[in-house]
mmCIF file of all heavy atoms, coordinates in Angstrom:
data_MODEL
# 
_entry.id   MODEL 
# 
loop_
_atom_site.group_PDB 
_atom_site.id 
_atom_site.type_symbol 
_atom_site.label_atom_id 
_atom_site.label_alt_id 
_atom_site.label_comp_id 
_atom_site.label_asym_id 
_atom_site.label_entity_id 
_atom_site.label_seq_id 
_atom_site.pdbx_PDB_ins_code 
_atom_site.Cartn_x 
_atom_site.Cartn_y 
_atom_site.Cartn_z 
_atom_site.occupancy 
_atom_site.B_iso_or_equiv 
_atom_site.pdbx_formal_charge 
_atom_site.auth_seq_id 
_atom_site.auth_comp_id 
_atom_site.auth_asym_id 
_atom_site.auth_atom_id 
_atom_site.pdbx_PDB_model_num 
ATOM 1   N N   . TYR A 1 1  ? -4.457  -15.345 -10.447 1.00 0.00 ? 1  TYR A N   1 
ATOM 2   C CA  . TYR A 1 1  ? -5.846  -15.257 -10.911 1.00 0.00 ? 1  TYR A CA  1 
ATOM 3   C C   . TYR A 1 1  ? -6.486  -16.638 -10.848 1.00 0.00 ? 1  TYR A C   1 
ATOM 4   O O   . TYR A 1 1  ? -5.865  -17.633 -11.217 1.00 0.00 ? 1  TYR A O   1 
ATOM 5   C CB  . TYR A 1 1  ? -5.895  -14.729 -12.347 1.00 0.00 ? 1  TYR A CB  1 
ATOM 6   C CG  . TYR A 1 1  ? -5.876  -13.223 -12.414 1.00 0.00 ? 1  TYR A CG  1 
ATOM 7   C CD1 . TYR A 1 1  ? -4.762  -12.511 -11.978 1.00 0.00 ? 1  TYR A CD1 1 
ATOM 8   C CD2 . TYR A 1 1  ? -6.979  -12.512 -12.856 1.00 0.00 ? 1  TYR A CD2 1 
ATOM 9   C CE1 . TYR A 1 1  ? -4.740  -11.132 -11.995 1.00 0.00 ? 1  TYR A CE1 1 
ATOM 10  C CE2 . TYR A 1 1  ? -6.966  -11.124 -12.878 1.00 0.00 ? 1  TYR A CE2 1 
ATOM 11  C CZ  . TYR A 1 1  ? -5.852  -10.441 -12.450 1.00 0.00 ? 1  TYR A CZ  1 
ATOM 12  O OH  . TYR A 1 1  ? -5.852  -9.062  -12.454 1.00 0.00 ? 1  TYR A OH  1 
ATOM 13  N N   . THR A 1 2  ? -7.728  -16.676 -10.398 1.00 0.00 ? 2  THR A N   1 
ATOM 14  C CA  . THR A 1 2  ? -8.427  -17.944 -10.422 1.00 0.00 ? 2  THR A CA  1 
ATOM 15  C C   . THR A 1 2  ? -9.087  -18.175 -11.781 1.00 0.00 ? 2  THR A C   1 
ATOM 16  O O   . THR A 1 2  ? -9.646  -17.257 -12.380 1.00 0.00 ? 2  THR A O   1 
ATOM 17  C CB  . THR A 1 2  ? -9.492  -18.060 -9.314  1.00 0.00 ? 2  THR A CB  1 
ATOM 18  O OG1 . THR A 1 2  ? -10.054 -19.377 -9.362  1.00 0.00 ? 2  THR A OG1 1 
ATOM 19  C CG2 . THR A 1 2  ? -10.606 -17.037 -9.472  1.00 0.00 ? 2  THR A CG2 1 
ATOM 20  N N   . GLY A 1 3  ? -8.952  -19.410 -12.229 1.00 0.00 ? 3  GLY A N   1 
ATOM 21  C CA  . GLY A 1 3  ? -9.738  -19.896 -13.359 1.00 0.00 ? 3  GLY A CA  1 
ATOM 22  C C   . GLY A 1 3  ? -10.548 -21.095 -12.920 1.00 0.00 ? 3  GLY A C   1 
ATOM 23  O O   . GLY A 1 3  ? -11.139 -21.793 -13.732 1.00 0.00 ? 3  GLY A O   1 
ATOM 24  N N   . ASN A 1 4  ? -10.551 -21.336 -11.581 1.00 0.00 ? 4  ASN A N   1 
ATOM 25  C CA  . ASN A 1 4  ? -11.306 -22.445 -11.001 1.00 0.00 ? 4  ASN A CA  1 
ATOM 26  C C   . ASN A 1 4  ? -12.777 -22.054 -10.905 1.00 0.00 ? 4  ASN A C   1 
ATOM 27  O O   . ASN A 1 4  ? -13.251 -21.592 -9.861  1.00 0.00 ? 4  ASN A O   1 
ATOM 28  C CB  . ASN A 1 4  ? -10.755 -22.786 -9.607  1.00 0.00 ? 4  ASN A CB  1 
ATOM 29  C CG  . ASN A 1 4  ? -9.392  -23.435 -9.654  1.00 0.00 ? 4  ASN A CG  1 
ATOM 30  O OD1 . ASN A 1 4  ? -9.120  -24.277 -10.488 1.00 0.00 ? 4  ASN A OD1 1 
ATOM 31  N ND2 . ASN A 1 4  ? -8.515  -23.025 -8.738  1.00 0.00 ? 4  ASN A ND2 1 
ATOM 32  N N   . ASP A 1 5  ? -13.492 -22.233 -11.995 1.00 0.00 ? 5  ASP A N   1 
ATOM 33  C CA  . ASP A 1 5  ? -14.897 -21.833 -12.024 1.00 0.00 ? 5  ASP A CA  1 
ATOM 34  C C   . ASP A 1 5  ? -15.736 -22.591 -11.007 1.00 0.00 ? 5  ASP A C   1 
ATOM 35  O O   . ASP A 1 5  ? -16.851 -22.180 -10.698 1.00 0.00 ? 5  ASP A O   1 
ATOM 36  C CB  . ASP A 1 5  ? -15.474 -22.058 -13.425 1.00 0.00 ? 5  ASP A CB  1 
ATOM 37  C CG  . ASP A 1 5  ? -14.699 -21.331 -14.512 1.00 0.00 ? 5  ASP A CG  1 
ATOM 38  O OD1 . ASP A 1 5  ? -13.615 -21.818 -14.884 1.00 0.00 ? 5  ASP A OD1 1 
ATOM 39  O OD2 . ASP A 1 5  ? -15.171 -20.291 -15.001 1.00 0.00 ? 5  ASP A OD2 1 
ATOM 40  N N   . ASP A 1 6  ? -15.207 -23.684 -10.483 1.00 0.00 ? 6  ASP A N   1 
ATOM 41  C CA  . ASP A 1 6  ? -15.933 -24.457 -9.477  1.00 0.00 ? 6  ASP A CA  1 
ATOM 42  C C   . ASP A 1 6  ? -15.656 -23.981 -8.053  1.00 0.00 ? 6  ASP A C   1 
ATOM 43  O O   . ASP A 1 6  ? -16.212 -24.527 -7.097  1.00 0.00 ? 6  ASP A O   1 
ATOM 44  C CB  . ASP A 1 6  ? -15.558 -25.944 -9.592  1.00 0.00 ? 6  ASP A CB  1 
ATOM 45  C CG  . ASP A 1 6  ? -14.099 -26.221 -9.252  1.00 0.00 ? 6  ASP A CG  1 
ATOM 46  O OD1 . ASP A 1 6  ? -13.266 -25.284 -9.360  1.00 0.00 ? 6  ASP A OD1 1 
ATOM 47  O OD2 . ASP A 1 6  ? -13.782 -27.362 -8.889  1.00 0.00 ? 6  ASP A OD2 1 
ATOM 48  N N   . ASN A 1 7  ? -14.824 -22.942 -7.892  1.00 0.00 ? 7  ASN A N   1 
ATOM 49  C CA  . ASN A 1 7  ? -14.393 -22.548 -6.543  1.00 0.00 ? 7  ASN A CA  1 
ATOM 50  C C   . ASN A 1 7  ? -14.068 -21.059 -6.477  1.00 0.00 ? 7  ASN A C   1 
ATOM 51  O O   . ASN A 1 7  ? -13.167 -20.639 -5.758  1.00 0.00 ? 7  ASN A O   1 
ATOM 52  C CB  . ASN A 1 7  ? -13.155 -23.371 -6.139  1.00 0.00 ? 7  ASN A CB  1 
ATOM 53  C CG  . ASN A 1 7  ? -12.908 -23.393 -4.656  1.00 0.00 ? 7  ASN A CG  1 
ATOM 54  O OD1 . ASN A 1 7  ? -13.747 -23.837 -3.886  1.00 0.00 ? 7  ASN A OD1 1 
ATOM 55  N ND2 . ASN A 1 7  ? -11.741 -22.917 -4.240  1.00 0.00 ? 7  ASN A ND2 1 
ATOM 56  N N   . ILE A 1 8  ? -14.805 -20.259 -7.204  1.00 0.00 ? 8  ILE A N   1 
ATOM 57  C CA  . ILE A 1 8  ? -14.430 -18.860 -7.421  1.00 0.00 ? 8  ILE A CA  1 
ATOM 58  C C   . ILE A 1 8  ? -14.350 -18.069 -6.115  1.00 0.00 ? 8  ILE A C   1 
ATOM 59  O O   . ILE A 1 8  ? -13.318 -17.471 -5.792  1.00 0.00 ? 8  ILE A O   1 
ATOM 60  C CB  . ILE A 1 8  ? -15.420 -18.181 -8.392  1.00 0.00 ? 8  ILE A CB  1 
ATOM 61  C CG1 . ILE A 1 8  ? -15.379 -18.866 -9.763  1.00 0.00 ? 8  ILE A CG1 1 
ATOM 62  C CG2 . ILE A 1 8  ? -15.092 -16.701 -8.531  1.00 0.00 ? 8  ILE A CG2 1 
ATOM 63  C CD1 . ILE A 1 8  ? -16.508 -18.433 -10.690 1.00 0.00 ? 8  ILE A CD1 1 
ATOM 64  N N   . ILE A 1 9  ? -15.426 -18.038 -5.372  1.00 0.00 ? 9  ILE A N   1 
ATOM 65  C CA  . ILE A 1 9  ? -15.474 -17.194 -4.176  1.00 0.00 ? 9  ILE A CA  1 
ATOM 66  C C   . ILE A 1 9  ? -14.481 -17.674 -3.132  1.00 0.00 ? 9  ILE A C   1 
ATOM 67  O O   . ILE A 1 9  ? -13.756 -16.874 -2.520  1.00 0.00 ? 9  ILE A O   1 
ATOM 68  C CB  . ILE A 1 9  ? -16.903 -17.157 -3.585  1.00 0.00 ? 9  ILE A CB  1 
ATOM 69  C CG1 . ILE A 1 9  ? -17.914 -16.680 -4.650  1.00 0.00 ? 9  ILE A CG1 1 
ATOM 70  C CG2 . ILE A 1 9  ? -16.947 -16.254 -2.363  1.00 0.00 ? 9  ILE A CG2 1 
ATOM 71  C CD1 . ILE A 1 9  ? -17.658 -15.293 -5.191  1.00 0.00 ? 9  ILE A CD1 1 
ATOM 72  N N   . ALA A 1 10 ? -14.407 -18.985 -2.918  1.00 0.00 ? 10 ALA A N   1 
ATOM 73  C CA  . ALA A 1 10 ? -13.464 -19.510 -1.923  1.00 0.00 ? 10 ALA A CA  1 
ATOM 74  C C   . ALA A 1 10 ? -12.027 -19.171 -2.290  1.00 0.00 ? 10 ALA A C   1 
ATOM 75  O O   . ALA A 1 10 ? -11.198 -18.910 -1.408  1.00 0.00 ? 10 ALA A O   1 
ATOM 76  C CB  . ALA A 1 10 ? -13.636 -21.021 -1.789  1.00 0.00 ? 10 ALA A CB  1 
ATOM 77  N N   . ASP A 1 11 ? -11.702 -19.163 -3.575  1.00 0.00 ? 11 ASP A N   1 
ATOM 78  C CA  . ASP A 1 11 ? -10.348 -18.775 -3.978  1.00 0.00 ? 11 ASP A CA  1 
ATOM 79  C C   . ASP A 1 11 ? -10.038 -17.341 -3.557  1.00 0.00 ? 11 ASP A C   1 
ATOM 80  O O   . ASP A 1 11 ? -8.916  -17.032 -3.138  1.00 0.00 ? 11 ASP A O   1 
ATOM 81  C CB  . ASP A 1 11 ? -10.177 -18.928 -5.493  1.00 0.00 ? 11 ASP A CB  1 
ATOM 82  C CG  . ASP A 1 11 ? -9.720  -20.323 -5.891  1.00 0.00 ? 11 ASP A CG  1 
ATOM 83  O OD1 . ASP A 1 11 ? -9.437  -21.141 -4.996  1.00 0.00 ? 11 ASP A OD1 1 
ATOM 84  O OD2 . ASP A 1 11 ? -9.652  -20.597 -7.106  1.00 0.00 ? 11 ASP A OD2 1 
ATOM 85  N N   . PHE A 1 12 ? -11.025 -16.457 -3.660  1.00 0.00 ? 12 PHE A N   1 
ATOM 86  C CA  . PHE A 1 12 ? -10.790 -15.068 -3.271  1.00 0.00 ? 12 PHE A CA  1 
ATOM 87  C C   . PHE A 1 12 ? -10.687 -14.904 -1.754  1.00 0.00 ? 12 PHE A C   1 
ATOM 88  O O   . PHE A 1 12 ? -9.980  -14.017 -1.263  1.00 0.00 ? 12 PHE A O   1 
ATOM 89  C CB  . PHE A 1 12 ? -11.907 -14.158 -3.793  1.00 0.00 ? 12 PHE A CB  1 
ATOM 90  C CG  . PHE A 1 12 ? -11.942 -14.020 -5.286  1.00 0.00 ? 12 PHE A CG  1 
ATOM 91  C CD1 . PHE A 1 12 ? -13.157 -14.006 -5.964  1.00 0.00 ? 12 PHE A CD1 1 
ATOM 92  C CD2 . PHE A 1 12 ? -10.783 -13.902 -6.018  1.00 0.00 ? 12 PHE A CD2 1 
ATOM 93  C CE1 . PHE A 1 12 ? -13.200 -13.878 -7.336  1.00 0.00 ? 12 PHE A CE1 1 
ATOM 94  C CE2 . PHE A 1 12 ? -10.812 -13.779 -7.394  1.00 0.00 ? 12 PHE A CE2 1 
ATOM 95  C CZ  . PHE A 1 12 ? -12.029 -13.767 -8.056  1.00 0.00 ? 12 PHE A CZ  1 
ATOM 96  N N   . LEU A 1 13 ? -11.390 -15.732 -1.016  1.00 0.00 ? 13 LEU A N   1 
ATOM 97  C CA  . LEU A 1 13 ? -11.448 -15.574 0.432   1.00 0.00 ? 13 LEU A CA  1 
ATOM 98  C C   . LEU A 1 13 ? -10.265 -16.206 1.160   1.00 0.00 ? 13 LEU A C   1 
ATOM 99  O O   . LEU A 1 13 ? -10.065 -15.962 2.338   1.00 0.00 ? 13 LEU A O   1 
ATOM 100 C CB  . LEU A 1 13 ? -12.738 -16.208 0.968   1.00 0.00 ? 13 LEU A CB  1 
ATOM 101 C CG  . LEU A 1 13 ? -14.051 -15.584 0.506   1.00 0.00 ? 13 LEU A CG  1 
ATOM 102 C CD1 . LEU A 1 13 ? -15.229 -16.378 1.069   1.00 0.00 ? 13 LEU A CD1 1 
ATOM 103 C CD2 . LEU A 1 13 ? -14.147 -14.118 0.909   1.00 0.00 ? 13 LEU A CD2 1 
ATOM 104 N N   . THR A 1 14 ? -9.484  -17.007 0.444   1.00 0.00 ? 14 THR A N   1 
ATOM 105 C CA  . THR A 1 14 ? -8.457  -17.814 1.096   1.00 0.00 ? 14 THR A CA  1 
ATOM 106 C C   . THR A 1 14 ? -7.098  -17.123 1.108   1.00 0.00 ? 14 THR A C   1 
ATOM 107 O O   . THR A 1 14 ? -6.571  -16.768 0.059   1.00 0.00 ? 14 THR A O   1 
ATOM 108 C CB  . THR A 1 14 ? -8.316  -19.163 0.376   1.00 0.00 ? 14 THR A CB  1 
ATOM 109 O OG1 . THR A 1 14 ? -9.586  -19.820 0.352   1.00 0.00 ? 14 THR A OG1 1 
ATOM 110 C CG2 . THR A 1 14 ? -7.300  -20.045 1.068   1.00 0.00 ? 14 THR A CG2 1 
ATOM 111 N N   . PRO A 1 15 ? -6.501  -16.951 2.299   1.00 0.00 ? 15 PRO A N   1 
ATOM 112 C CA  . PRO A 1 15 ? -5.085  -16.549 2.352   1.00 0.00 ? 15 PRO A CA  1 
ATOM 113 C C   . PRO A 1 15 ? -4.228  -17.807 2.212   1.00 0.00 ? 15 PRO A C   1 
ATOM 114 O O   . PRO A 1 15 ? -4.370  -18.754 2.986   1.00 0.00 ? 15 PRO A O   1 
ATOM 115 C CB  . PRO A 1 15 ? -4.941  -15.926 3.741   1.00 0.00 ? 15 PRO A CB  1 
ATOM 116 C CG  . PRO A 1 15 ? -6.040  -16.531 4.563   1.00 0.00 ? 15 PRO A CG  1 
ATOM 117 C CD  . PRO A 1 15 ? -7.123  -16.981 3.630   1.00 0.00 ? 15 PRO A CD  1 
ATOM 118 N N   . TYR A 1 16 ? -3.361  -17.822 1.226   1.00 0.00 ? 16 TYR A N   1 
ATOM 119 C CA  . TYR A 1 16 ? -2.520  -18.991 0.955   1.00 0.00 ? 16 TYR A CA  1 
ATOM 120 C C   . TYR A 1 16 ? -1.169  -18.782 1.616   1.00 0.00 ? 16 TYR A C   1 
ATOM 121 O O   . TYR A 1 16 ? -0.439  -17.848 1.276   1.00 0.00 ? 16 TYR A O   1 
ATOM 122 C CB  . TYR A 1 16 ? -2.365  -19.200 -0.553  1.00 0.00 ? 16 TYR A CB  1 
ATOM 123 C CG  . TYR A 1 16 ? -3.660  -19.589 -1.223  1.00 0.00 ? 16 TYR A CG  1 
ATOM 124 C CD1 . TYR A 1 16 ? -4.550  -18.621 -1.677  1.00 0.00 ? 16 TYR A CD1 1 
ATOM 125 C CD2 . TYR A 1 16 ? -4.001  -20.923 -1.377  1.00 0.00 ? 16 TYR A CD2 1 
ATOM 126 C CE1 . TYR A 1 16 ? -5.753  -18.976 -2.265  1.00 0.00 ? 16 TYR A CE1 1 
ATOM 127 C CE2 . TYR A 1 16 ? -5.208  -21.291 -1.981  1.00 0.00 ? 16 TYR A CE2 1 
ATOM 128 C CZ  . TYR A 1 16 ? -6.077  -20.310 -2.418  1.00 0.00 ? 16 TYR A CZ  1 
ATOM 129 O OH  . TYR A 1 16 ? -7.267  -20.671 -3.001  1.00 0.00 ? 16 TYR A OH  1 
ATOM 130 N N   . SER A 1 17 ? -0.859  -19.650 2.575   1.00 0.00 ? 17 SER A N   1 
ATOM 131 C CA  . SER A 1 17 ? 0.376   -19.506 3.330   1.00 0.00 ? 17 SER A CA  1 
ATOM 132 C C   . SER A 1 17 ? 1.009   -20.872 3.499   1.00 0.00 ? 17 SER A C   1 
ATOM 133 O O   . SER A 1 17 ? 0.330   -21.859 3.742   1.00 0.00 ? 17 SER A O   1 
ATOM 134 C CB  . SER A 1 17 ? 0.092   -18.887 4.707   1.00 0.00 ? 17 SER A CB  1 
ATOM 135 O OG  . SER A 1 17 ? 1.260   -18.814 5.482   1.00 0.00 ? 17 SER A OG  1 
ATOM 136 N N   . PHE A 1 18 ? 2.327   -20.930 3.356   1.00 0.00 ? 18 PHE A N   1 
ATOM 137 C CA  . PHE A 1 18 ? 3.062   -22.182 3.493   1.00 0.00 ? 18 PHE A CA  1 
ATOM 138 C C   . PHE A 1 18 ? 4.181   -21.999 4.519   1.00 0.00 ? 18 PHE A C   1 
ATOM 139 O O   . PHE A 1 18 ? 5.348   -22.252 4.250   1.00 0.00 ? 18 PHE A O   1 
ATOM 140 C CB  . PHE A 1 18 ? 3.609   -22.611 2.127   1.00 0.00 ? 18 PHE A CB  1 
ATOM 141 C CG  . PHE A 1 18 ? 2.524   -22.771 1.088   1.00 0.00 ? 18 PHE A CG  1 
ATOM 142 C CD1 . PHE A 1 18 ? 2.198   -21.707 0.246   1.00 0.00 ? 18 PHE A CD1 1 
ATOM 143 C CD2 . PHE A 1 18 ? 1.815   -23.951 0.985   1.00 0.00 ? 18 PHE A CD2 1 
ATOM 144 C CE1 . PHE A 1 18 ? 1.188   -21.833 -0.692  1.00 0.00 ? 18 PHE A CE1 1 
ATOM 145 C CE2 . PHE A 1 18 ? 0.808   -24.095 0.044   1.00 0.00 ? 18 PHE A CE2 1 
ATOM 146 C CZ  . PHE A 1 18 ? 0.486   -23.038 -0.795  1.00 0.00 ? 18 PHE A CZ  1 
ATOM 147 N N   . GLY A 1 19 ? 3.790   -21.491 5.673   1.00 0.00 ? 19 GLY A N   1 
ATOM 148 C CA  . GLY A 1 19 ? 4.745   -21.287 6.736   1.00 0.00 ? 19 GLY A CA  1 
ATOM 149 C C   . GLY A 1 19 ? 5.368   -19.912 6.753   1.00 0.00 ? 19 GLY A C   1 
ATOM 150 O O   . GLY A 1 19 ? 6.240   -19.624 7.580   1.00 0.00 ? 19 GLY A O   1 
ATOM 151 N N   . GLY A 1 20 ? 4.894   -19.033 5.855   1.00 0.00 ? 20 GLY A N   1 
ATOM 152 C CA  . GLY A 1 20 ? 5.418   -17.668 5.804   1.00 0.00 ? 20 GLY A CA  1 
ATOM 153 C C   . GLY A 1 20 ? 4.300   -16.683 5.566   1.00 0.00 ? 20 GLY A C   1 
ATOM 154 O O   . GLY A 1 20 ? 3.146   -16.927 5.926   1.00 0.00 ? 20 GLY A O   1 
ATOM 155 N N   . ALA A 1 21 ? 4.625   -15.569 4.925   1.00 0.00 ? 21 ALA A N   1 
ATOM 156 C CA  . ALA A 1 21 ? 3.615   -14.564 4.607   1.00 0.00 ? 21 ALA A CA  1 
ATOM 157 C C   . ALA A 1 21 ? 2.620   -15.137 3.614   1.00 0.00 ? 21 ALA A C   1 
ATOM 158 O O   . ALA A 1 21 ? 2.951   -15.983 2.778   1.00 0.00 ? 21 ALA A O   1 
ATOM 159 C CB  . ALA A 1 21 ? 4.285   -13.316 4.042   1.00 0.00 ? 21 ALA A CB  1 
ATOM 160 N N   . ALA A 1 22 ? 1.388   -14.680 3.713   1.00 0.00 ? 22 ALA A N   1 
ATOM 161 C CA  . ALA A 1 22 ? 0.323   -15.209 2.864   1.00 0.00 ? 22 ALA A CA  1 
ATOM 162 C C   . ALA A 1 22 ? 0.232   -14.457 1.545   1.00 0.00 ? 22 ALA A C   1 
ATOM 163 O O   . ALA A 1 22 ? 0.593   -13.281 1.448   1.00 0.00 ? 22 ALA A O   1 
ATOM 164 C CB  . ALA A 1 22 ? -1.011  -15.142 3.592   1.00 0.00 ? 22 ALA A CB  1 
ATOM 165 N N   . ARG A 1 23 ? -0.213  -15.159 0.526   1.00 0.00 ? 23 ARG A N   1 
ATOM 166 C CA  . ARG A 1 23 ? -0.551  -14.546 -0.758  1.00 0.00 ? 23 ARG A CA  1 
ATOM 167 C C   . ARG A 1 23 ? -2.040  -14.735 -1.004  1.00 0.00 ? 23 ARG A C   1 
ATOM 168 O O   . ARG A 1 23 ? -2.665  -15.664 -0.488  1.00 0.00 ? 23 ARG A O   1 
ATOM 169 C CB  . ARG A 1 23 ? 0.221   -15.212 -1.908  1.00 0.00 ? 23 ARG A CB  1 
ATOM 170 C CG  . ARG A 1 23 ? 1.685   -14.829 -2.020  1.00 0.00 ? 23 ARG A CG  1 
ATOM 171 C CD  . ARG A 1 23 ? 1.896   -13.405 -2.518  1.00 0.00 ? 23 ARG A CD  1 
ATOM 172 N NE  . ARG A 1 23 ? 1.283   -13.116 -3.787  1.00 0.00 ? 23 ARG A NE  1 
ATOM 173 C CZ  . ARG A 1 23 ? 1.881   -13.284 -4.978  1.00 0.00 ? 23 ARG A CZ  1 
ATOM 174 N NH1 . ARG A 1 23 ? 3.099   -13.770 -5.053  1.00 0.00 ? 23 ARG A NH1 1 
ATOM 175 N NH2 . ARG A 1 23 ? 1.260   -12.945 -6.100  1.00 0.00 ? 23 ARG A NH2 1 
ATOM 176 N N   . ARG A 1 24 ? -2.601  -13.860 -1.858  1.00 0.00 ? 24 ARG A N   1 
ATOM 177 C CA  . ARG A 1 24 ? -4.019  -13.935 -2.207  1.00 0.00 ? 24 ARG A CA  1 
ATOM 178 C C   . ARG A 1 24 ? -4.180  -14.058 -3.718  1.00 0.00 ? 24 ARG A C   1 
ATOM 179 O O   . ARG A 1 24 ? -3.393  -13.510 -4.491  1.00 0.00 ? 24 ARG A O   1 
ATOM 180 C CB  . ARG A 1 24 ? -4.739  -12.661 -1.754  1.00 0.00 ? 24 ARG A CB  1 
ATOM 181 C CG  . ARG A 1 24 ? -4.862  -12.510 -0.252  1.00 0.00 ? 24 ARG A CG  1 
ATOM 182 C CD  . ARG A 1 24 ? -6.130  -13.149 0.255   1.00 0.00 ? 24 ARG A CD  1 
ATOM 183 N NE  . ARG A 1 24 ? -6.424  -12.751 1.613   1.00 0.00 ? 24 ARG A NE  1 
ATOM 184 C CZ  . ARG A 1 24 ? -7.602  -12.926 2.208   1.00 0.00 ? 24 ARG A CZ  1 
ATOM 185 N NH1 . ARG A 1 24 ? -8.601  -13.491 1.554   1.00 0.00 ? 24 ARG A NH1 1 
ATOM 186 N NH2 . ARG A 1 24 ? -7.783  -12.561 3.452   1.00 0.00 ? 24 ARG A NH2 1 
ATOM 187 N N   . ILE A 1 25 ? -5.199  -14.774 -4.105  1.00 0.00 ? 25 ILE A N   1 
ATOM 188 C CA  . ILE A 1 25 ? -5.667  -14.718 -5.488  1.00 0.00 ? 25 ILE A CA  1 
ATOM 189 C C   . ILE A 1 25 ? -6.466  -13.430 -5.619  1.00 0.00 ? 25 ILE A C   1 
ATOM 190 O O   . ILE A 1 25 ? -7.437  -13.205 -4.888  1.00 0.00 ? 25 ILE A O   1 
ATOM 191 C CB  . ILE A 1 25 ? -6.524  -15.950 -5.819  1.00 0.00 ? 25 ILE A CB  1 
ATOM 192 C CG1 . ILE A 1 25 ? -5.635  -17.194 -5.892  1.00 0.00 ? 25 ILE A CG1 1 
ATOM 193 C CG2 . ILE A 1 25 ? -7.282  -15.748 -7.119  1.00 0.00 ? 25 ILE A CG2 1 
ATOM 194 C CD1 . ILE A 1 25 ? -6.380  -18.494 -6.113  1.00 0.00 ? 25 ILE A CD1 1 
# 
């Protein structure tokens, strides 16, 4: 869950991947 009130929409739009399958907020 995002609590980054300064980056709300971008947190939802970003697939987070570190060389493997991606995770989403």
